[in-house]
């Protein structure tokens, strides 16, 4: 029962995340890069790097207690926003 509550909460989170204007996809991963949920155009190979980048950014930002940084990767093809929260990391891919 507890697993289904968590699963539903993750599904709701990823659906809301994909509603961000310009979003083409989103992925939620655990601290090891295991995909918990994804929607839209997302490569399964993004999971590990997303988790790793969030962990490294948290290390760099260790002086800011209670807040985790938002990582923005901006390229000619679009943006990727990554944020670690509540035991998982979310990445939003935008065109």
Protein backbone atom coordinates (compact mmCIF):
# COMPACT_ATOMS: atom_id res chain seq x y z
CA UNK A 1 0.00 0.00 0.00
CA UNK A 2 2.77 2.44 0.94
CA UNK A 3 4.55 1.76 -2.36
CA UNK A 4 1.48 2.65 -4.38
CA UNK A 5 1.12 5.97 -2.52
CA UNK A 6 4.70 6.85 -3.32
CA UNK A 7 4.24 5.72 -6.92
CA UNK A 8 1.13 7.87 -7.31
CA UNK A 9 2.90 10.87 -5.77
CA UNK A 10 5.82 10.45 -8.20
CA UNK A 11 3.48 10.12 -11.16
CA UNK A 12 1.65 13.28 -10.10
CA UNK A 13 4.97 15.10 -9.65
CA UNK A 14 6.27 14.10 -13.09
CA UNK A 15 2.96 15.01 -14.77
CA UNK A 16 3.00 18.47 -13.15
CA UNK A 17 6.65 18.90 -14.09
CA UNK A 18 5.89 18.14 -17.73
CA UNK A 19 3.33 20.96 -17.77
CA UNK A 20 6.14 23.53 -17.54
CA UNK A 21 5.98 25.66 -20.71
CA UNK A 22 8.39 24.31 -23.33
CA UNK A 23 8.97 21.00 -21.52
CA UNK A 24 9.63 18.10 -23.86
CA UNK A 25 10.25 15.55 -21.13
CA UNK A 26 11.08 14.94 -17.49
CA UNK A 27 12.72 12.23 -15.43
CA UNK A 28 12.86 11.41 -11.70
CA UNK A 29 15.76 9.32 -10.45
CA UNK A 30 17.00 8.10 -7.08
CA UNK A 31 20.47 8.86 -5.68
CA UNK A 32 21.94 5.93 -7.65
CA UNK A 33 20.49 7.02 -11.00
CA UNK A 34 17.68 4.45 -11.01
CA UNK A 35 14.72 5.79 -12.99
CA UNK A 36 11.68 6.19 -10.76
CA UNK A 37 9.47 7.84 -13.37
CA UNK A 38 9.78 9.58 -16.73
CA UNK A 39 7.60 11.23 -19.34
CA UNK A 40 8.13 12.58 -22.83
CA UNK A 41 11.37 12.63 -24.77
CA UNK A 42 13.99 11.46 -22.27
CA UNK A 43 16.97 9.20 -22.88
CA UNK A 44 17.34 6.41 -20.33
CA UNK A 45 21.06 7.20 -20.43
CA UNK A 46 20.39 10.59 -18.81
CA UNK A 47 19.47 9.01 -15.46
CA UNK A 48 22.99 8.41 -14.12
CA UNK A 49 24.42 11.80 -15.12
CA UNK A 50 21.35 13.59 -13.70
CA UNK A 51 21.84 11.94 -10.29
CA UNK A 52 25.60 12.56 -10.36
CA UNK A 53 25.30 16.24 -11.30
CA UNK A 54 22.76 16.84 -8.53
CA UNK A 55 25.05 15.22 -5.96
CA UNK A 56 28.06 17.25 -7.10
CA UNK A 57 26.08 20.51 -7.05
CA UNK A 58 24.86 19.73 -3.53
CA UNK A 59 28.50 19.25 -2.48
CA UNK A 60 29.47 22.62 -3.96
CA UNK A 61 26.48 24.24 -2.28
CA UNK A 62 27.00 22.61 1.13
CA UNK A 63 27.10 25.99 2.92
CA UNK A 64 23.45 26.69 2.05
CA UNK A 65 21.70 24.48 4.56
CA UNK A 66 18.18 23.40 3.72
CA UNK A 67 18.22 24.35 0.06
CA UNK A 68 19.44 22.40 -2.90
CA UNK A 69 20.67 24.16 -6.03
CA UNK A 70 18.95 24.16 -9.39
CA UNK A 71 21.34 23.18 -12.17
CA UNK A 72 20.68 24.76 -15.56
CA UNK A 73 22.37 23.36 -18.66
CA UNK A 74 21.75 25.73 -21.55
CA UNK A 75 22.60 24.65 -25.11
CA UNK A 76 21.57 25.69 -28.60
CA UNK A 77 19.08 22.80 -28.65
CA UNK A 78 17.38 23.61 -25.34
CA UNK A 79 17.71 23.68 -21.58
CA UNK A 80 17.90 21.04 -18.91
CA UNK A 81 16.96 21.94 -15.33
CA UNK A 82 17.98 19.58 -12.54
CA UNK A 83 16.98 19.73 -8.87
CA UNK A 84 17.45 17.29 -6.02
CA UNK A 85 14.67 17.12 -3.43
CA UNK A 86 13.06 14.74 -0.94
CA UNK A 87 15.27 11.77 -1.76
CA UNK A 88 15.00 12.00 -5.53
CA UNK A 89 16.24 14.18 -8.36
CA UNK A 90 14.11 15.65 -11.13
CA UNK A 91 15.34 16.82 -14.52
CA UNK A 92 13.18 18.79 -16.94
CA UNK A 93 14.16 18.94 -20.59
CA UNK A 94 12.98 22.01 -22.49
CA UNK A 95 13.18 22.92 -26.17
